[in-house]
């Protein structure tokens, strides 16, 4: 944290509102630079209550030094801020934060469900039960699992059932949110886009209006191609992946879903052409980018999805 003279102030204190007030109140108002770590949200709230000018550094876009210490990191962040080259993270409002908490927890639970389903099938193989489909997908299969003399499989099944119930409850909450969210209702007019996908996109993007063009929001998702230029030669490569990974993941999933549910749309037709030329993987990524730019245009223009505009 720099003081009024621009000198770096180094202090160590507990992470609590009281400690922050006692240690930093005398310096207010002044700029404060912090890394975007897991607990940055309460810290930024405490700092803003002290009338600090808060800058949250996007550490993913700062090259990692060979020697890393807290003091070196602080001095490097200050140097970037002074040179107006500090990559800053977007600080969404509280309602977007709350929506992110719900949707990201839903994603986490879904990943845990997949892990436990894989473990159940692997454990069945260990016991000599070579099933083609996972038995937890049906009530008959779950009853059969209970009849086996394999307590670890039965335990995994109970955990899977608990996780699935939590996912169902979260899904109901998310669907209720869409009834009062006009942007979510608009995105849901895209075939293959449900309440969950629409809310994940809105939670991760925050406000589409902060991006002037579709290319900018695609860059935020890490869906723009990398560029290698030397002299008159310019070559594009794979996507940068230097963006929001959650948004990128859900858009690729949405691209696959849209192509299945609406094969006659202009987006799906372009997907098929790209798949024939460049393969299914690249076609899915390109479709995800196009889908995101279409979403931005729909929100900006207050228009529903058109299959063939």
Protein backbone atom coordinates (compact mmCIF):
# COMPACT_ATOMS: atom_id res chain seq x y z
CA UNK A 1 0.00 0.00 0.00
CA UNK A 2 1.49 3.39 -0.98
CA UNK A 3 1.08 6.40 1.31
CA UNK A 4 0.41 9.99 0.24
CA UNK A 5 4.06 10.45 -0.80
CA UNK A 6 3.94 7.31 -2.91
CA UNK A 7 6.19 5.32 -0.58
CA UNK A 8 5.39 1.70 0.15
CA UNK A 9 3.91 1.09 3.60
CA UNK A 10 4.67 -2.37 4.97
CA UNK A 11 2.65 -3.66 7.92
CA UNK A 12 1.55 -7.03 9.27
CA UNK A 13 -1.77 -7.38 11.06
CA UNK A 14 -4.60 -9.83 11.52
CA UNK A 15 -7.25 -10.31 8.85
CA UNK A 16 -10.21 -8.76 10.66
CA UNK A 17 -12.20 -5.49 10.38
CA UNK A 18 -10.89 -4.26 13.73
CA UNK A 19 -7.25 -4.85 12.78
CA UNK A 20 -7.75 -3.16 9.42
CA UNK A 21 -9.26 -0.07 11.04
CA UNK A 22 -6.52 0.15 13.65
CA UNK A 23 -3.68 -0.30 11.15
CA UNK A 24 -4.96 1.56 8.09
CA UNK A 25 -7.48 4.22 9.14
CA UNK A 26 -4.72 6.84 9.49
CA UNK A 27 -3.81 6.44 5.81
CA UNK A 28 -7.31 6.94 4.42
CA UNK A 29 -8.03 7.88 1.73
CA UNK A 30 -5.24 6.36 -0.32
CA UNK A 31 -4.86 3.66 -2.98
CA UNK A 32 -4.64 0.05 -1.77
CA UNK A 33 -3.47 -2.75 -4.07
CA UNK A 34 -4.18 -6.38 -3.24
CA UNK A 35 -4.04 -9.68 -5.06
CA UNK A 36 -7.24 -11.39 -6.18
CA UNK A 37 -7.05 -14.27 -3.69
CA UNK A 38 -9.89 -16.41 -2.37
CA UNK A 39 -10.87 -14.08 0.50
CA UNK A 40 -10.54 -10.75 -1.33
CA UNK A 41 -14.27 -9.99 -1.08
CA UNK A 42 -14.48 -9.24 2.68
CA UNK A 43 -11.10 -7.49 2.54
CA UNK A 44 -12.27 -5.13 -0.22
CA UNK A 45 -15.43 -4.42 1.78
CA UNK A 46 -13.41 -3.46 4.87
CA UNK A 47 -11.12 -1.27 2.79
CA UNK A 48 -13.99 0.51 1.07
CA UNK A 49 -15.57 1.20 4.46
CA UNK A 50 -12.30 2.99 5.30
CA UNK A 51 -12.74 5.08 2.08
CA UNK A 52 -9.73 3.47 0.42
CA UNK A 53 -9.20 3.48 -3.35
CA UNK A 54 -9.10 -0.30 -3.84
CA UNK A 55 -7.32 -1.96 -6.79
CA UNK A 56 -7.55 -5.75 -7.06
CA UNK A 57 -4.70 -7.12 -9.17
CA UNK A 58 -5.39 -9.95 -11.60
CA UNK A 59 -2.40 -12.12 -10.68
CA UNK A 60 -3.12 -14.54 -13.53
CA UNK A 61 -2.00 -11.83 -15.98
CA UNK A 62 1.18 -10.91 -14.11
CA UNK A 63 4.32 -12.93 -14.96
CA UNK A 64 5.54 -14.99 -12.02
CA UNK A 65 9.01 -13.99 -10.73
CA UNK A 66 11.73 -16.54 -10.08
CA UNK A 67 12.03 -15.35 -6.47
CA UNK A 68 8.63 -14.88 -4.83
CA UNK A 69 8.19 -13.24 -1.42
CA UNK A 70 5.40 -11.13 0.03
CA UNK A 71 7.56 -7.99 0.07
CA UNK A 72 8.77 -8.49 -3.52
CA UNK A 73 5.20 -9.09 -4.68
CA UNK A 74 3.98 -5.93 -2.94
CA UNK A 75 6.74 -3.81 -4.45
CA UNK A 76 6.09 -5.26 -7.91
CA UNK A 77 2.35 -4.51 -7.67
CA UNK A 78 3.14 -0.96 -6.62
CA UNK A 79 5.50 -0.57 -9.56
CA UNK A 80 2.83 -1.76 -11.99
CA UNK A 81 0.24 0.55 -10.45
CA UNK A 82 2.55 3.54 -10.68
CA UNK A 83 3.21 2.77 -14.32
CA UNK A 84 -0.53 2.40 -15.03
CA UNK A 85 0.07 -1.18 -16.19
CA UNK A 86 -1.58 -3.05 -13.32
CA UNK A 87 -4.02 -5.66 -14.69
CA UNK A 88 -7.09 -5.29 -12.48
CA UNK A 89 -9.89 -7.75 -11.79
CA UNK A 90 -13.54 -6.90 -12.24
CA UNK A 91 -15.34 -6.33 -8.94
CA UNK A 92 -19.01 -7.22 -9.50
CA UNK A 93 -21.82 -5.88 -7.30
CA UNK A 94 -23.17 -7.93 -4.39
CA UNK A 95 -26.10 -9.43 -6.31
CA UNK A 96 -23.74 -10.77 -8.99
CA UNK A 97 -21.42 -12.11 -6.28
CA UNK A 98 -24.33 -13.96 -4.69
CA UNK A 99 -25.37 -15.40 -8.05
CA UNK A 100 -21.78 -16.52 -8.68
CA UNK A 101 -21.72 -18.26 -5.32
CA UNK A 102 -24.81 -20.27 -6.22
CA UNK A 103 -23.83 -21.17 -9.77
CA UNK A 104 -20.22 -22.04 -8.93
CA UNK A 105 -21.40 -24.23 -6.05
CA UNK A 106 -23.76 -25.95 -8.49
CA UNK A 107 -20.80 -26.60 -10.81
CA UNK A 108 -18.69 -27.91 -7.92
CA UNK A 109 -21.41 -30.34 -6.85
CA UNK A 110 -21.85 -31.55 -10.43
CA UNK A 111 -18.13 -32.31 -10.65
CA UNK A 112 -18.31 -34.24 -7.37
CA UNK A 113 -21.27 -36.24 -8.70
CA UNK A 114 -19.25 -37.24 -11.75
CA UNK A 115 -16.31 -38.25 -9.54
CA UNK A 116 -18.48 -40.49 -7.37
CA UNK A 117 -20.21 -42.03 -10.37
CA UNK A 118 -16.79 -42.90 -11.79
CA UNK A 119 -15.67 -44.33 -8.45
CA UNK A 120 -18.77 -46.53 -8.21
CA UNK A 121 -18.17 -47.98 -11.66
CA UNK A 122 -14.47 -48.52 -10.92
CA UNK A 123 -15.28 -50.30 -7.64
CA UNK A 124 -17.81 -52.52 -9.43
CA UNK A 125 -15.05 -53.58 -11.81
CA UNK A 126 -12.87 -54.48 -8.82
CA UNK A 127 -15.60 -56.82 -7.61
CA UNK A 128 -15.98 -58.44 -11.02
CA UNK A 129 -19.15 -56.61 -12.12
CA UNK A 130 -18.33 -55.34 -15.62
CA UNK A 131 -21.36 -53.14 -16.32
CA UNK A 132 -21.83 -51.24 -19.58
CA UNK A 133 -23.80 -48.36 -18.05
CA UNK A 134 -23.52 -46.90 -14.58
CA UNK A 135 -26.17 -48.55 -12.37
CA UNK A 136 -26.75 -45.39 -10.29
CA UNK A 137 -28.53 -43.87 -13.28
CA UNK A 138 -31.64 -46.00 -12.62
CA UNK A 139 -33.64 -47.01 -9.55
CA UNK A 140 -33.25 -50.67 -10.50
CA UNK A 141 -29.48 -50.27 -10.64
CA UNK A 142 -29.34 -48.52 -7.26
CA UNK A 143 -31.41 -51.33 -5.70
CA UNK A 144 -28.97 -53.86 -7.16
CA UNK A 145 -26.03 -51.95 -5.64
CA UNK A 146 -27.67 -52.21 -2.21
CA UNK A 147 -27.87 -55.99 -2.61
CA UNK A 148 -24.11 -56.33 -3.16
CA UNK A 149 -21.74 -57.26 -0.34
CA UNK A 150 -19.61 -54.18 -1.02
CA UNK A 151 -19.96 -51.56 1.75
CA UNK A 152 -17.68 -49.03 0.01
CA UNK A 153 -19.90 -49.06 -3.10
CA UNK A 154 -23.05 -48.64 -1.00
CA UNK A 155 -21.36 -45.74 0.83
CA UNK A 156 -20.43 -44.03 -2.46
CA UNK A 157 -23.99 -44.48 -3.68
CA UNK A 158 -25.39 -42.76 -0.56
CA UNK A 159 -22.99 -39.85 -1.01
CA UNK A 160 -24.00 -39.61 -4.68
CA UNK A 161 -27.69 -39.52 -3.71
CA UNK A 162 -27.04 -36.75 -1.17
CA UNK A 163 -25.14 -34.69 -3.72
CA UNK A 164 -27.86 -35.21 -6.30
CA UNK A 165 -30.52 -33.98 -3.87
CA UNK A 166 -28.47 -30.85 -3.20
CA UNK A 167 -28.14 -30.25 -6.94
CA UNK A 168 -31.89 -30.62 -7.40
CA UNK A 169 -32.53 -28.07 -4.63
CA UNK A 170 -30.04 -25.62 -6.15
CA UNK A 171 -31.57 -26.09 -9.57
CA UNK A 172 -34.99 -25.19 -8.18
CA UNK A 173 -33.54 -22.02 -6.63
CA UNK A 174 -31.86 -21.05 -9.89
CA UNK A 175 -35.04 -21.61 -11.88
CA UNK A 176 -36.91 -19.39 -9.43
CA UNK A 177 -34.32 -16.62 -9.93
CA UNK A 178 -34.85 -16.64 -13.70
CA UNK A 179 -38.52 -15.72 -13.23
CA UNK A 180 -37.46 -12.26 -12.03
CA UNK A 181 -34.37 -11.84 -14.20
CA UNK A 182 -35.26 -10.47 -17.67
CA UNK A 183 -31.76 -11.04 -19.04
CA UNK A 184 -31.90 -14.72 -18.07
CA UNK A 185 -35.32 -15.08 -19.69
CA UNK A 186 -33.94 -13.54 -22.87
CA UNK A 187 -30.93 -15.87 -23.00
CA UNK A 188 -33.24 -18.84 -22.42
CA UNK A 189 -34.91 -18.13 -25.77
CA UNK A 190 -31.78 -19.69 -27.32
CA UNK A 191 -32.55 -23.38 -27.95
CA UNK A 192 -30.48 -25.57 -25.65
CA UNK A 193 -29.95 -22.82 -23.06
CA UNK A 194 -31.70 -23.47 -19.75
CA UNK A 195 -31.95 -21.58 -16.48
CA UNK A 196 -28.66 -22.95 -15.15
CA UNK A 197 -26.60 -22.05 -18.23
CA UNK A 198 -28.17 -18.61 -18.59
CA UNK A 199 -27.45 -17.70 -14.97
CA UNK A 200 -23.87 -18.99 -15.11
CA UNK A 201 -23.21 -16.75 -18.13
CA UNK A 202 -24.78 -13.72 -16.43
CA UNK A 203 -22.94 -14.40 -13.17
CA UNK A 204 -19.54 -14.73 -14.84
CA UNK A 205 -19.91 -11.84 -17.31
CA UNK A 206 -21.53 -9.57 -14.75
CA UNK A 207 -22.60 -6.71 -16.98
CA UNK A 208 -22.46 -7.10 -20.75
CA UNK A 209 -22.47 -3.31 -21.09
CA UNK A 210 -18.89 -3.09 -19.78
CA UNK A 211 -17.73 -4.65 -23.06
CA UNK A 212 -17.99 -2.48 -26.15
CA UNK A 213 -17.76 -5.31 -28.70
CA UNK A 214 -18.34 -9.02 -28.96
CA UNK A 215 -14.62 -9.56 -29.42
CA UNK A 216 -13.95 -7.98 -26.04
CA UNK A 217 -16.35 -10.26 -24.18
CA UNK A 218 -14.94 -13.25 -26.09
CA UNK A 219 -11.45 -12.21 -24.96
CA UNK A 220 -12.73 -12.05 -21.37
CA UNK A 221 -13.82 -15.67 -21.75
CA UNK A 222 -10.47 -16.67 -23.27
CA UNK A 223 -12.10 -17.67 -26.55
CA UNK A 224 -10.02 -15.47 -28.87
CA UNK A 225 -7.20 -17.05 -30.91
CA UNK A 226 -3.59 -16.43 -30.02
CA UNK A 227 -1.58 -14.37 -32.54
CA UNK A 228 2.04 -14.93 -33.57
CA UNK A 229 3.40 -12.04 -35.62
CA UNK A 230 6.87 -11.45 -36.99
CA UNK A 231 7.41 -8.78 -39.60
CA UNK A 232 4.89 -9.24 -42.38
CA UNK A 233 3.98 -12.75 -41.22
CA UNK A 234 0.96 -13.14 -38.95
CA UNK A 235 -0.31 -16.51 -37.81
CA UNK A 236 -3.22 -17.32 -35.51
CA UNK A 237 -3.08 -20.29 -33.19
CA UNK A 238 -5.23 -21.92 -30.53
CA UNK A 239 -7.40 -19.90 -28.17
CA UNK A 240 -5.53 -18.01 -25.48
CA UNK A 241 -7.45 -19.51 -22.51
CA UNK A 242 -6.38 -16.35 -20.66
CA UNK A 243 -9.83 -15.56 -19.43
CA UNK A 244 -12.66 -16.75 -17.23
CA UNK A 245 -12.44 -20.59 -17.20
CA UNK A 246 -15.95 -21.07 -15.79
CA UNK A 247 -17.49 -18.94 -18.52
CA UNK A 248 -15.45 -20.72 -21.19
CA UNK A 249 -16.51 -24.15 -19.90
CA UNK A 250 -20.22 -23.38 -19.76
CA UNK A 251 -20.20 -21.78 -23.24
CA UNK A 252 -18.63 -24.87 -24.83
CA UNK A 253 -21.28 -26.99 -23.09
CA UNK A 254 -23.95 -24.59 -24.33
CA UNK A 255 -22.60 -24.84 -27.88
CA UNK A 256 -22.97 -28.62 -27.88
CA UNK A 257 -26.47 -28.32 -26.40
CA UNK A 258 -27.61 -25.74 -28.95
CA UNK A 259 -26.38 -27.80 -31.90
CA UNK A 260 -28.33 -30.81 -30.61
CA UNK A 261 -31.54 -28.92 -29.90
CA UNK A 262 -31.57 -26.59 -32.91
CA UNK A 263 -29.75 -28.17 -35.89
CA UNK A 264 -31.38 -25.74 -38.32
CA UNK A 265 -30.08 -22.50 -36.83
CA UNK A 266 -27.40 -20.41 -38.53
CA UNK A 267 -25.09 -21.15 -35.59
CA UNK A 268 -25.54 -24.91 -35.96
CA UNK A 269 -25.03 -24.77 -39.72
CA UNK A 270 -21.75 -22.91 -39.23
CA UNK A 271 -20.74 -25.47 -36.60
CA UNK A 272 -21.21 -28.33 -39.08
CA UNK A 273 -19.13 -26.55 -41.74
CA UNK A 274 -16.31 -25.92 -39.28
CA UNK A 275 -16.45 -29.49 -37.96
CA UNK A 276 -15.93 -30.86 -41.47
CA UNK A 277 -12.93 -28.60 -42.08
CA UNK A 278 -11.23 -28.28 -38.68
CA UNK A 279 -12.68 -31.03 -36.48
CA UNK A 280 -15.35 -31.20 -33.81
CA UNK A 281 -13.21 -29.69 -31.03
CA UNK A 282 -12.31 -26.49 -32.84
CA UNK A 283 -15.85 -26.19 -34.16
CA UNK A 284 -17.24 -26.35 -30.62
CA UNK A 285 -14.89 -23.61 -29.42
CA UNK A 286 -15.71 -21.37 -32.39
CA UNK A 287 -19.42 -21.97 -31.81
CA UNK A 288 -19.02 -21.08 -28.14
CA UNK A 289 -17.45 -17.77 -29.12
CA UNK A 290 -20.19 -17.02 -31.65
CA UNK A 291 -22.85 -17.93 -29.08
CA UNK A 292 -21.35 -15.49 -26.58
CA UNK A 293 -21.29 -12.64 -29.10
CA UNK A 294 -24.90 -13.42 -30.00
CA UNK A 295 -25.82 -13.29 -26.30
CA UNK A 296 -24.22 -9.85 -26.00
CA UNK A 297 -26.12 -8.59 -29.03
CA UNK A 298 -29.39 -9.94 -27.61
CA UNK A 299 -28.84 -8.19 -24.27
CA UNK A 300 -27.68 -4.93 -25.88
CA UNK A 301 -30.61 -4.78 -28.32
CA UNK A 302 -33.27 -6.30 -25.99
CA UNK A 303 -34.11 -8.89 -28.63
CA UNK A 304 -34.91 -12.60 -28.32
CA UNK A 305 -32.96 -15.23 -30.22
CA UNK A 306 -33.61 -15.60 -33.93
CA UNK A 307 -32.93 -19.00 -35.48
CA UNK A 308 -31.99 -17.54 -38.86
CA UNK A 309 -31.59 -13.75 -38.57
